[in-house]
């Protein structure tokens, strides 16, 4: 048959090619291990939730990618400013994992792989509202899983790669079965400016 399947109302997930880090940056990342908090899943995060202040080149890279995502892909009005709010480093030693979670009070979230040579993936859950048959049919009911029916999508995240996705999406990281720490830098974002169009629009908001 001559036919085509269209992707309707797609969710953009942007991933970069790997970048490199300086030894100075890597030293700062290692130094941050001295001030960590425990998380569910036996992983650790920095107590400092504004680590980009110590890592300006990483910030520039992540911010430039964020601006490309919102201005060039989503075509958000240039007068609306997307900016990075919190930023922190995650350390996943052997046997640790990240449970499924989303990021509140954020619009877009990013994860930059600082050390992930074993390529432990990032898993994104399909939002319930976009499941093709709502709560009917389980993974066992499909002959093959693809981007239309899969409940989860797995993204390879090699060292140096950055991934951006909507913060409302549940995501998780499987257990680290290697002897090397998986180290990532995560960040959240928000907006400022005038949103909602003309002054007489009931949804007008000044942020």
C-alpha atoms as a PDB file:
ATOM      1  CA  UNK A   1       0.000   0.000   0.000  1.00  0.00           C
ATOM      2  CA  UNK A   2       1.117   3.573  -0.624  1.00  0.00           C
ATOM      3  CA  UNK A   3       0.733   5.290   2.771  1.00  0.00           C
ATOM      4  CA  UNK A   4       2.626   7.287   5.380  1.00  0.00           C
ATOM      5  CA  UNK A   5       2.441   7.451   9.196  1.00  0.00           C
ATOM      6  CA  UNK A   6       2.700  11.036  10.483  1.00  0.00           C
ATOM      7  CA  UNK A   7       4.079  12.064  13.871  1.00  0.00           C
ATOM      8  CA  UNK A   8       1.424  14.304  15.416  1.00  0.00           C
ATOM      9  CA  UNK A   9       2.080  16.671  18.372  1.00  0.00           C
ATOM     10  CA  UNK A  10       5.638  15.463  18.854  1.00  0.00           C
ATOM     11  CA  UNK A  11       7.697  16.276  21.954  1.00  0.00           C
ATOM     12  CA  UNK A  12      11.147  17.580  21.018  1.00  0.00           C
ATOM     13  CA  UNK A  13      14.067  16.032  22.893  1.00  0.00           C
ATOM     14  CA  UNK A  14      17.338  17.671  21.885  1.00  0.00           C
ATOM     15  CA  UNK A  15      20.695  15.940  22.256  1.00  0.00           C
ATOM     16  CA  UNK A  16      24.114  17.307  21.371  1.00  0.00           C
ATOM     17  CA  UNK A  17      27.215  15.599  20.132  1.00  0.00           C
ATOM     18  CA  UNK A  18      29.811  15.115  22.896  1.00  0.00           C
ATOM     19  CA  UNK A  19      31.836  18.122  23.992  1.00  0.00           C
ATOM     20  CA  UNK A  20      35.118  18.081  25.916  1.00  0.00           C
ATOM     21  CA  UNK A  21      35.969  19.313  29.398  1.00  0.00           C
ATOM     22  CA  UNK A  22      39.117  20.915  30.767  1.00  0.00           C
ATOM     23  CA  UNK A  23      41.095  19.319  33.566  1.00  0.00           C
ATOM     24  CA  UNK A  24      40.247  22.332  35.717  1.00  0.00           C
ATOM     25  CA  UNK A  25      36.533  21.657  35.242  1.00  0.00           C
ATOM     26  CA  UNK A  26      36.962  17.972  36.063  1.00  0.00           C
ATOM     27  CA  UNK A  27      38.901  18.895  39.214  1.00  0.00           C
ATOM     28  CA  UNK A  28      35.996  21.108  40.338  1.00  0.00           C
ATOM     29  CA  UNK A  29      33.549  18.264  39.697  1.00  0.00           C
ATOM     30  CA  UNK A  30      35.654  15.928  41.838  1.00  0.00           C
ATOM     31  CA  UNK A  31      36.014  18.540  44.591  1.00  0.00           C
ATOM     32  CA  UNK A  32      32.228  18.825  44.833  1.00  0.00           C
ATOM     33  CA  UNK A  33      32.171  15.250  46.153  1.00  0.00           C
ATOM     34  CA  UNK A  34      33.123  16.733  49.518  1.00  0.00           C
ATOM     35  CA  UNK A  35      29.657  18.216  50.017  1.00  0.00           C
ATOM     36  CA  UNK A  36      26.973  15.744  48.960  1.00  0.00           C
ATOM     37  CA  UNK A  37      23.533  14.636  50.059  1.00  0.00           C
ATOM     38  CA  UNK A  38      22.105  11.127  49.817  1.00  0.00           C
ATOM     39  CA  UNK A  39      19.237  10.411  47.442  1.00  0.00           C
ATOM     40  CA  UNK A  40      16.796   7.571  46.977  1.00  0.00           C
ATOM     41  CA  UNK A  41      18.496   4.969  44.796  1.00  0.00           C
ATOM     42  CA  UNK A  42      21.852   5.182  46.595  1.00  0.00           C
ATOM     43  CA  UNK A  43      23.040   8.040  44.386  1.00  0.00           C
ATOM     44  CA  UNK A  44      24.343  11.425  45.546  1.00  0.00           C
ATOM     45  CA  UNK A  45      23.832  15.070  44.563  1.00  0.00           C
ATOM     46  CA  UNK A  46      25.725  18.231  45.432  1.00  0.00           C
ATOM     47  CA  UNK A  47      24.277  20.390  48.181  1.00  0.00           C
ATOM     48  CA  UNK A  48      25.260  23.325  46.021  1.00  0.00           C
ATOM     49  CA  UNK A  49      22.344  23.749  43.599  1.00  0.00           C
ATOM     50  CA  UNK A  50      24.022  26.560  41.649  1.00  0.00           C
ATOM     51  CA  UNK A  51      27.196  24.773  40.504  1.00  0.00           C
ATOM     52  CA  UNK A  52      27.228  26.585  37.153  1.00  0.00           C
ATOM     53  CA  UNK A  53      28.703  29.551  39.056  1.00  0.00           C
ATOM     54  CA  UNK A  54      31.867  27.458  39.391  1.00  0.00           C
ATOM     55  CA  UNK A  55      31.685  26.029  35.866  1.00  0.00           C
ATOM     56  CA  UNK A  56      31.120  28.989  33.498  1.00  0.00           C
ATOM     57  CA  UNK A  57      32.180  27.193  30.286  1.00  0.00           C
ATOM     58  CA  UNK A  58      29.737  24.359  30.948  1.00  0.00           C
ATOM     59  CA  UNK A  59      27.094  26.988  31.605  1.00  0.00           C
ATOM     60  CA  UNK A  60      27.800  28.712  28.284  1.00  0.00           C
ATOM     61  CA  UNK A  61      27.494  25.420  26.401  1.00  0.00           C
ATOM     62  CA  UNK A  62      24.264  24.398  28.140  1.00  0.00           C
ATOM     63  CA  UNK A  63      22.714  27.860  27.861  1.00  0.00           C
ATOM     64  CA  UNK A  64      23.525  28.122  24.144  1.00  0.00           C
ATOM     65  CA  UNK A  65      21.857  24.742  23.585  1.00  0.00           C
ATOM     66  CA  UNK A  66      18.844  25.847  25.637  1.00  0.00           C
ATOM     67  CA  UNK A  67      18.454  28.999  23.538  1.00  0.00           C
ATOM     68  CA  UNK A  68      18.650  26.962  20.323  1.00  0.00           C
ATOM     69  CA  UNK A  69      15.953  24.621  21.643  1.00  0.00           C
ATOM     70  CA  UNK A  70      13.475  27.378  22.523  1.00  0.00           C
ATOM     71  CA  UNK A  71      14.213  29.919  19.760  1.00  0.00           C
ATOM     72  CA  UNK A  72      15.072  27.750  16.750  1.00  0.00           C
ATOM     73  CA  UNK A  73      13.118  24.549  17.416  1.00  0.00           C
ATOM     74  CA  UNK A  74      10.101  25.668  19.452  1.00  0.00           C
ATOM     75  CA  UNK A  75      10.091  29.156  17.874  1.00  0.00           C
ATOM     76  CA  UNK A  76       9.310  30.882  21.179  1.00  0.00           C
ATOM     77  CA  UNK A  77       8.962  34.675  20.902  1.00  0.00           C
ATOM     78  CA  UNK A  78      12.480  36.173  21.353  1.00  0.00           C
ATOM     79  CA  UNK A  79      11.057  38.620  23.908  1.00  0.00           C
ATOM     80  CA  UNK A  80      10.430  35.697  26.283  1.00  0.00           C
ATOM     81  CA  UNK A  81      13.628  34.809  28.118  1.00  0.00           C
ATOM     82  CA  UNK A  82      14.304  31.193  29.079  1.00  0.00           C
ATOM     83  CA  UNK A  83      17.015  31.062  31.726  1.00  0.00           C
ATOM     84  CA  UNK A  84      18.719  28.430  33.847  1.00  0.00           C
ATOM     85  CA  UNK A  85      17.670  28.388  37.496  1.00  0.00           C
ATOM     86  CA  UNK A  86      19.171  25.555  39.568  1.00  0.00           C
ATOM     87  CA  UNK A  87      22.129  23.387  38.579  1.00  0.00           C
ATOM     88  CA  UNK A  88      23.677  20.464  40.455  1.00  0.00           C
ATOM     89  CA  UNK A  89      25.912  17.445  39.968  1.00  0.00           C
ATOM     90  CA  UNK A  90      24.752  13.826  40.350  1.00  0.00           C
ATOM     91  CA  UNK A  91      27.088  10.975  41.238  1.00  0.00           C
ATOM     92  CA  UNK A  92      25.970   7.395  40.574  1.00  0.00           C
ATOM     93  CA  UNK A  93      28.424   4.878  42.043  1.00  0.00           C
ATOM     94  CA  UNK A  94      28.171   1.142  41.463  1.00  0.00           C
ATOM     95  CA  UNK A  95      24.751  -0.365  42.352  1.00  0.00           C
ATOM     96  CA  UNK A  96      23.033   3.045  42.427  1.00  0.00           C
ATOM     97  CA  UNK A  97      20.173   4.278  40.233  1.00  0.00           C
ATOM     98  CA  UNK A  98      17.776   7.203  39.810  1.00  0.00           C
ATOM     99  CA  UNK A  99      14.117   6.469  40.517  1.00  0.00           C
ATOM    100  CA  UNK A 100      11.455   7.775  38.119  1.00  0.00           C
ATOM    101  CA  UNK A 101      10.787  11.451  38.843  1.00  0.00           C
ATOM    102  CA  UNK A 102      10.048  14.805  37.237  1.00  0.00           C
ATOM    103  CA  UNK A 103      11.326  18.307  38.041  1.00  0.00           C
ATOM    104  CA  UNK A 104       8.755  20.677  39.593  1.00  0.00           C
ATOM    105  CA  UNK A 105       8.864  24.451  39.047  1.00  0.00           C
ATOM    106  CA  UNK A 106      10.815  24.046  35.831  1.00  0.00           C
ATOM    107  CA  UNK A 107       9.860  24.123  32.147  1.00  0.00           C
ATOM    108  CA  UNK A 108      12.833  22.416  30.504  1.00  0.00           C
ATOM    109  CA  UNK A 109      15.515  20.297  32.127  1.00  0.00           C
ATOM    110  CA  UNK A 110      18.947  19.304  30.934  1.00  0.00           C
ATOM    111  CA  UNK A 111      21.416  16.545  31.748  1.00  0.00           C
ATOM    112  CA  UNK A 112      25.078  16.876  30.763  1.00  0.00           C
ATOM    113  CA  UNK A 113      27.155  13.690  30.964  1.00  0.00           C
ATOM    114  CA  UNK A 114      30.484  14.502  32.589  1.00  0.00           C
ATOM    115  CA  UNK A 115      31.596  10.895  33.099  1.00  0.00           C
ATOM    116  CA  UNK A 116      29.615   8.087  31.503  1.00  0.00           C
ATOM    117  CA  UNK A 117      32.013   6.012  29.433  1.00  0.00           C
ATOM    118  CA  UNK A 118      29.906   2.906  30.134  1.00  0.00           C
ATOM    119  CA  UNK A 119      26.997   4.803  28.529  1.00  0.00           C
ATOM    120  CA  UNK A 120      24.306   4.171  31.138  1.00  0.00           C
ATOM    121  CA  UNK A 121      21.191   5.590  29.430  1.00  0.00           C
ATOM    122  CA  UNK A 122      18.579   8.120  30.429  1.00  0.00           C
ATOM    123  CA  UNK A 123      15.046   6.714  30.295  1.00  0.00           C
ATOM    124  CA  UNK A 124      12.089   8.978  29.475  1.00  0.00           C
ATOM    125  CA  UNK A 125       8.527   7.863  30.256  1.00  0.00           C
ATOM    126  CA  UNK A 126       5.773   8.526  27.767  1.00  0.00           C
ATOM    127  CA  UNK A 127       3.239  10.945  29.329  1.00  0.00           C
ATOM    128  CA  UNK A 128       0.038   9.081  30.135  1.00  0.00           C
ATOM    129  CA  UNK A 129      -2.047  11.427  27.992  1.00  0.00           C
ATOM    130  CA  UNK A 130      -0.062  10.471  24.889  1.00  0.00           C
ATOM    131  CA  UNK A 131      -0.368   6.699  25.239  1.00  0.00           C
ATOM    132  CA  UNK A 132      -2.049   5.528  22.092  1.00  0.00           C
ATOM    133  CA  UNK A 133      -4.818   3.526  23.818  1.00  0.00           C
ATOM    134  CA  UNK A 134      -4.765   5.326  27.163  1.00  0.00           C
ATOM    135  CA  UNK A 135      -4.612   2.584  29.826  1.00  0.00           C
ATOM    136  CA  UNK A 136      -5.404  -0.304  27.461  1.00  0.00           C
ATOM    137  CA  UNK A 137      -2.805  -2.740  26.081  1.00  0.00           C
ATOM    138  CA  UNK A 138       0.475  -3.514  27.842  1.00  0.00           C
ATOM    139  CA  UNK A 139       3.906  -3.980  26.289  1.00  0.00           C
ATOM    140  CA  UNK A 140       3.096  -7.699  25.960  1.00  0.00           C
ATOM    141  CA  UNK A 141       0.284  -6.875  23.528  1.00  0.00           C
ATOM    142  CA  UNK A 142       2.545  -5.526  20.790  1.00  0.00           C
ATOM    143  CA  UNK A 143       4.534  -7.654  18.361  1.00  0.00           C
ATOM    144  CA  UNK A 144       7.244  -4.999  18.284  1.00  0.00           C
ATOM    145  CA  UNK A 145       7.897  -1.821  20.273  1.00  0.00           C
ATOM    146  CA  UNK A 146       8.519   1.444  18.420  1.00  0.00           C
ATOM    147  CA  UNK A 147       8.268   5.201  19.007  1.00  0.00           C
ATOM    148  CA  UNK A 148       4.477   5.091  18.624  1.00  0.00           C
ATOM    149  CA  UNK A 149       3.682   2.428  21.229  1.00  0.00           C
ATOM    150  CA  UNK A 150       6.628   2.253  23.656  1.00  0.00           C
ATOM    151  CA  UNK A 151       5.934   3.333  27.250  1.00  0.00           C
ATOM    152  CA  UNK A 152       9.573   4.404  27.619  1.00  0.00           C
ATOM    153  CA  UNK A 153      12.340   5.696  25.392  1.00  0.00           C
ATOM    154  CA  UNK A 154      16.006   5.044  26.098  1.00  0.00           C
ATOM    155  CA  UNK A 155      18.596   7.687  25.253  1.00  0.00           C
ATOM    156  CA  UNK A 156      22.275   6.914  25.083  1.00  0.00           C
ATOM    157  CA  UNK A 157      24.212   9.615  26.948  1.00  0.00           C
ATOM    158  CA  UNK A 158      27.942   9.349  26.194  1.00  0.00           C
ATOM    159  CA  UNK A 159      30.445  11.471  28.079  1.00  0.00           C
ATOM    160  CA  UNK A 160      30.190  15.100  26.957  1.00  0.00           C
ATOM    161  CA  UNK A 161      26.671  14.825  25.561  1.00  0.00           C
ATOM    162  CA  UNK A 162      23.817  17.088  26.688  1.00  0.00           C
ATOM    163  CA  UNK A 163      20.128  16.203  26.504  1.00  0.00           C
ATOM    164  CA  UNK A 164      17.201  18.633  26.918  1.00  0.00           C
ATOM    165  CA  UNK A 165      13.579  17.669  27.531  1.00  0.00           C
ATOM    166  CA  UNK A 166      10.388  19.057  29.111  1.00  0.00           C
ATOM    167  CA  UNK A 167      10.703  18.961  32.908  1.00  0.00           C
ATOM    168  CA  UNK A 168       7.244  17.427  33.329  1.00  0.00           C
ATOM    169  CA  UNK A 169       8.387  14.159  31.742  1.00  0.00           C
ATOM    170  CA  UNK A 170       9.145  11.399  34.226  1.00  0.00           C
ATOM    171  CA  UNK A 171      12.652  10.061  33.755  1.00  0.00           C
ATOM    172  CA  UNK A 172      14.961   7.601  35.456  1.00  0.00           C
ATOM    173  CA  UNK A 173      18.420   6.050  35.241  1.00  0.00           C
ATOM    174  CA  UNK A 174      18.922   2.265  35.504  1.00  0.00           C
ATOM    175  CA  UNK A 175      21.279   0.693  38.003  1.00  0.00           C
ATOM    176  CA  UNK A 176      24.977   1.249  37.481  1.00  0.00           C
ATOM    177  CA  UNK A 177      26.495  -2.224  37.195  1.00  0.00           C
ATOM    178  CA  UNK A 178      29.986  -0.914  36.452  1.00  0.00           C
ATOM    179  CA  UNK A 179      32.806   0.050  38.792  1.00  0.00           C
ATOM    180  CA  UNK A 180      32.988   3.605  37.385  1.00  0.00           C
ATOM    181  CA  UNK A 181      30.879   6.456  38.742  1.00  0.00           C
ATOM    182  CA  UNK A 182      28.303   7.892  36.360  1.00  0.00           C
ATOM    183  CA  UNK A 183      28.586  11.676  36.808  1.00  0.00           C
ATOM    184  CA  UNK A 184      26.122  14.145  35.320  1.00  0.00           C
ATOM    185  CA  UNK A 185      25.302  17.806  35.701  1.00  0.00           C
ATOM    186  CA  UNK A 186      21.569  18.559  35.715  1.00  0.00           C
ATOM    187  CA  UNK A 187      19.774  21.873  35.501  1.00  0.00           C
ATOM    188  CA  UNK A 188      16.313  23.416  35.489  1.00  0.00           C
ATOM    189  CA  UNK A 189      14.905  26.440  33.679  1.00  0.00           C
ATOM    190  CA  UNK A 190      12.148  29.018  33.870  1.00  0.00           C
ATOM    191  CA  UNK A 191      10.962  32.075  31.937  1.00  0.00           C
ATOM    192  CA  UNK A 192      10.731  35.824  32.441  1.00  0.00           C
ATOM    193  CA  UNK A 193       9.210  38.608  30.422  1.00  0.00           C
ATOM    194  CA  UNK A 194       5.712  39.357  29.125  1.00  0.00           C
ATOM    195  CA  UNK A 195       3.743  36.284  28.065  1.00  0.00           C
ATOM    196  CA  UNK A 196       0.203  35.903  26.800  1.00  0.00           C
ATOM    197  CA  UNK A 197       0.091  38.413  23.968  1.00  0.00           C
ATOM    198  CA  UNK A 198      -1.819  41.723  24.034  1.00  0.00           C
ATOM    199  CA  UNK A 199      -2.730  43.537  27.248  1.00  0.00           C
ATOM    200  CA  UNK A 200      -6.467  42.807  26.833  1.00  0.00           C
ATOM    201  CA  UNK A 201      -5.884  39.034  26.648  1.00  0.00           C
ATOM    202  CA  UNK A 202      -7.113  37.366  29.851  1.00  0.00           C
ATOM    203  CA  UNK A 203      -4.018  35.180  29.982  1.00  0.00           C
ATOM    204  CA  UNK A 204      -1.579  38.094  29.903  1.00  0.00           C
ATOM    205  CA  UNK A 205       1.155  37.743  32.505  1.00  0.00           C
ATOM    206  CA  UNK A 206       4.179  39.811  33.473  1.00  0.00           C
ATOM    207  CA  UNK A 207       6.937  37.638  34.983  1.00  0.00           C
END
